[in-house]
Amino acid sequence: MDDKELFEAGCFSPEWVTDDEQLPISRAYSQESKDLKTLLKELDAIKDNIQQIQARQWHLAEMIKFHEHQIANE
């Protein structure tokens, strides 16, 4: 594979960073611990986002049905 194929596959070389400065391994792979209250807020936000997307998807599907029905009647 060439570099472009590796990049598109999500495989980055260990030397690849966004800055000229190398990140220490401990900083690159640090784990952030969050309390339960914060995690629950984030989960609620994700659920709300999913519900909004589902509502838009349903609305678009209804619009497509309507337009297909209108075209079939013409």
C-alpha atoms as a PDB file:
ATOM      1  CA  MET A   1       0.000   0.000   0.000  1.00  0.00           C
ATOM      2  CA  ASP A   2       1.137   3.503  -0.693  1.00  0.00           C
ATOM      3  CA  ASP A   3       0.821   6.387   1.797  1.00  0.00           C
ATOM      4  CA  LYS A   4      -2.518   7.566   0.381  1.00  0.00           C
ATOM      5  CA  GLU A   5      -4.098   4.116   0.722  1.00  0.00           C
ATOM      6  CA  LEU A   6      -2.764   3.791   4.267  1.00  0.00           C
ATOM      7  CA  PHE A   7      -4.182   7.221   5.155  1.00  0.00           C
ATOM      8  CA  GLU A   8      -7.606   6.397   3.697  1.00  0.00           C
ATOM      9  CA  ALA A   9      -7.629   3.091   5.589  1.00  0.00           C
ATOM     10  CA  GLY A  10      -7.022   4.975   8.837  1.00  0.00           C
ATOM     11  CA  CYS A  11      -3.497   3.639   9.329  1.00  0.00           C
ATOM     12  CA  PHE A  12      -1.116   6.410  10.273  1.00  0.00           C
ATOM     13  CA  SER A  13       2.593   5.961  10.628  1.00  0.00           C
ATOM     14  CA  PRO A  14       4.035   6.457  14.148  1.00  0.00           C
ATOM     15  CA  GLU A  15       5.878   9.538  12.884  1.00  0.00           C
ATOM     16  CA  TRP A  16       2.641  11.260  11.780  1.00  0.00           C
ATOM     17  CA  VAL A  17       1.594  14.176  14.006  1.00  0.00           C
ATOM     18  CA  THR A  18      -0.192  17.466  13.374  1.00  0.00           C
ATOM     19  CA  ASP A  19       2.627  19.564  14.859  1.00  0.00           C
ATOM     20  CA  ASP A  20       6.332  19.565  14.260  1.00  0.00           C
ATOM     21  CA  GLU A  21       6.660  18.658  17.924  1.00  0.00           C
ATOM     22  CA  GLN A  22       6.422  14.968  18.804  1.00  0.00           C
ATOM     23  CA  LEU A  23       3.793  14.019  21.371  1.00  0.00           C
ATOM     24  CA  PRO A  24       4.897  11.822  24.257  1.00  0.00           C
ATOM     25  CA  ILE A  25       3.169   8.427  24.273  1.00  0.00           C
ATOM     26  CA  SER A  26       1.637   9.119  27.692  1.00  0.00           C
ATOM     27  CA  ARG A  27      -0.072  12.248  26.350  1.00  0.00           C
ATOM     28  CA  ALA A  28      -1.188  10.677  23.106  1.00  0.00           C
ATOM     29  CA  TYR A  29      -2.869   7.738  24.815  1.00  0.00           C
ATOM     30  CA  SER A  30      -4.052   9.327  28.049  1.00  0.00           C
ATOM     31  CA  GLN A  31      -7.442   8.270  29.331  1.00  0.00           C
ATOM     32  CA  GLU A  32      -9.816  10.890  30.648  1.00  0.00           C
ATOM     33  CA  SER A  33     -11.980   9.761  33.546  1.00  0.00           C
ATOM     34  CA  LYS A  34     -15.389  11.374  33.887  1.00  0.00           C
ATOM     35  CA  ASP A  35     -17.867  11.180  36.709  1.00  0.00           C
ATOM     36  CA  LEU A  36     -21.191   9.403  36.301  1.00  0.00           C
ATOM     37  CA  LYS A  37     -23.198  12.643  36.157  1.00  0.00           C
ATOM     38  CA  THR A  38     -21.127  13.936  33.218  1.00  0.00           C
ATOM     39  CA  LEU A  39     -21.390  10.622  31.379  1.00  0.00           C
ATOM     40  CA  LEU A  40     -25.176  10.554  31.837  1.00  0.00           C
ATOM     41  CA  LYS A  41     -25.475  14.105  30.472  1.00  0.00           C
ATOM     42  CA  GLU A  42     -23.402  13.139  27.439  1.00  0.00           C
ATOM     43  CA  LEU A  43     -25.518  10.012  26.939  1.00  0.00           C
ATOM     44  CA  ASP A  44     -28.732  12.064  27.071  1.00  0.00           C
ATOM     45  CA  ALA A  45     -27.314  14.492  24.513  1.00  0.00           C
ATOM     46  CA  ILE A  46     -26.431  11.578  22.217  1.00  0.00           C
ATOM     47  CA  LYS A  47     -29.922  10.091  22.621  1.00  0.00           C
ATOM     48  CA  ASP A  48     -31.522  13.456  21.811  1.00  0.00           C
ATOM     49  CA  ASN A  49     -29.340  13.773  18.736  1.00  0.00           C
ATOM     50  CA  ILE A  50     -30.318  10.272  17.577  1.00  0.00           C
ATOM     51  CA  GLN A  51     -34.010  11.058  18.086  1.00  0.00           C
ATOM     52  CA  GLN A  52     -33.689  14.267  16.062  1.00  0.00           C
ATOM     53  CA  ILE A  53     -31.951  12.396  13.258  1.00  0.00           C
ATOM     54  CA  GLN A  54     -34.642   9.683  13.280  1.00  0.00           C
ATOM     55  CA  ALA A  55     -37.371  12.332  13.123  1.00  0.00           C
ATOM     56  CA  ARG A  56     -35.677  14.004  10.146  1.00  0.00           C
ATOM     57  CA  GLN A  57     -35.215  10.625   8.472  1.00  0.00           C
ATOM     58  CA  TRP A  58     -38.904   9.801   8.934  1.00  0.00           C
ATOM     59  CA  HIS A  59     -39.908  13.231   7.599  1.00  0.00           C
ATOM     60  CA  LEU A  60     -37.719  12.809   4.524  1.00  0.00           C
ATOM     61  CA  ALA A  61     -39.140   9.329   3.902  1.00  0.00           C
ATOM     62  CA  GLU A  62     -42.673  10.758   4.057  1.00  0.00           C
ATOM     63  CA  MET A  63     -41.721  13.539   1.636  1.00  0.00           C
ATOM     64  CA  ILE A  64     -40.266  10.984  -0.786  1.00  0.00           C
ATOM     65  CA  LYS A  65     -43.460   8.905  -0.605  1.00  0.00           C
ATOM     66  CA  PHE A  66     -45.557  12.012  -1.235  1.00  0.00           C
ATOM     67  CA  HIS A  67     -43.486  13.078  -4.251  1.00  0.00           C
ATOM     68  CA  GLU A  68     -43.446   9.559  -5.692  1.00  0.00           C
ATOM     69  CA  HIS A  69     -47.226   9.390  -5.278  1.00  0.00           C
ATOM     70  CA  GLN A  70     -47.662  12.793  -6.960  1.00  0.00           C
ATOM     71  CA  ILE A  71     -45.456  11.750  -9.893  1.00  0.00           C
ATOM     72  CA  ALA A  72     -47.378   8.476 -10.290  1.00  0.00           C
ATOM     73  CA  ASN A  73     -50.696  10.378 -10.444  1.00  0.00           C
ATOM     74  CA  GLU A  74     -49.510  12.730 -13.197  1.00  0.00           C
END
